[in-house]
Amino acid sequence: MILWCERAWLPGGPAGAVALELVNGRIVDVTPDAPRRGTVLPGLTVPGLVNRHSHAFHRALRGRPARAADSFWSWREGMYRVAAALDPDRYRRLATAVYAEMALAGHTAVTEFHYLHHAPGGRPYADPVAMDRALVEAAAAAGLRITLLDTCYLAAGFDRPPEGVQHRFADADVDAWAERATLVAKLDDGASDRCGSVRVGAAVHSVRAVPREALGTVAAWAGERPLHVHLSEQPAENAACLAAHGLTPTALLHDAGALGPATTAVHATHLTGDDVGVLARTGTGACFCPTTERDLGDGIGPAGALAAAGVALSLGSDSHAVIDPFEEMRALEMHERLAHGVRERFTPAELLAAGTDGGAISPGAPADLVTLDTASVRTAGARPDGVPLAAAAPDVREVRVGGRVVVRDGVHQLVERPAADLAAEIAAVHA
């Protein structure tokens, strides 16, 4: 297959008249200044956007503002009510619509931080991985690749057992989690060249939800698989960890051997200078979720300091207060401006790298491609290298995953009515 891009984002930045040759879902050749041939993609084509941190069921909370002064902790109670209403079939339907919304916004892959494991009361389903399977099926139906992180969640807090709906999240102990996670790992299909491919990893929900003695077991199970952890999202988490262990959450994870090149620290909002150094020395990445972090009032994390130290940054939409990868990229830069009174901390290429796997279209990469309208009311007049700073989700015209068309002319090709499906499933959750 030959795709001819009016402009495409290559390792050196946007280039014109770029021909891409695809074979078996991968890009095998990239030729700038090529004669027009094959399928024409007008506008700017960029690598597929990767949503590195998602809780699909949180989408049901969007547009439901609190009626009084609110905080993360009261928001959490609303999240628990949504979690209590889901079963595997309902979660599959809801997640399919959420993932379709992601595809329409330009995402070609999602990393799902999954902790809603069991039936009400904590009773295992007859199929112990029914909820995991629902998410895998949802991603396939919506045309996305998925990295499914089966999350270890054992406690409500330091020295506090699970309470209420948290029993749906929790396993009896870390060995029970590992036994179930091993079943989940069988869903990993080892594919990397097709729509709907599945990779399985692990997650530590947080240092407050996984006791110190269990952290090493989770890290050992993960091995070279992806391992993610919510890290220092709230000042209260840091204070509780210091009180319980005399260490910051970062230092505790490092002490347990849970940091390293396969690990991603999600949020990393309230870090000390020493914490930044530890993440850098261990090769741990950091995933920022700016639209959720501001929605919840979490604060502005040290993205600039982490990047300067050599920590690789990625982006996610977390609770899906917004699903728009271009807004996440912009917010990473704008939050730095707000926090430090400087402009252009990150270049457009650096922002695109945070929002994608690699940041540029190159031979050997999967044919995960997103084509943007460069003549919309948002992007008109922007320099080619400034389009990602001007674009928004509605500017996504075409999305290909492994070469397969998932979105064409702004219309999802696999899910007929994503908006209607979202409305119906969210209404059912809140009924």
Foldseek 3Di string as FASTA:
>chain_A
DKEFECWEQFPVGIAGGWIFDADLQFTADIDGPDPDDDHYFYFYKWFFFEFEEAAQQLQLCAPPDDPDDDFLVNVVVVVLLLLLLDDLVLLLLSLLLSLLLLVLQRHQEYEYQDQQQDHFPLHADPLRRSNVVSNLNSQLLLQHEYEYALEAFAAPFAVHGDDGSCSSRHDPALVRSLVSLVVSQVQQPVDDQGTSHYHYAHEYAFCGGHDLVNLLVNQVSRPLNAYEYAAPLAPVNQVRCCVRPVDGRLVSNVVSVNAALRYEHEQQADDDPVSLLSNLVRNYAYEYQQVVSVVNVSHHRPPLSNVVSPHQYAYHNYSPSDNHLLVRLLSNQVSCCVVPVDHCSDFLQSSCVRRHPPSGRDGPHRPWMWGFDCCDPQNPPPDSSCNSNRDISQRTAWTAGSNHTQHHGSAGPSDHDSVVSNVVSSVSSVD
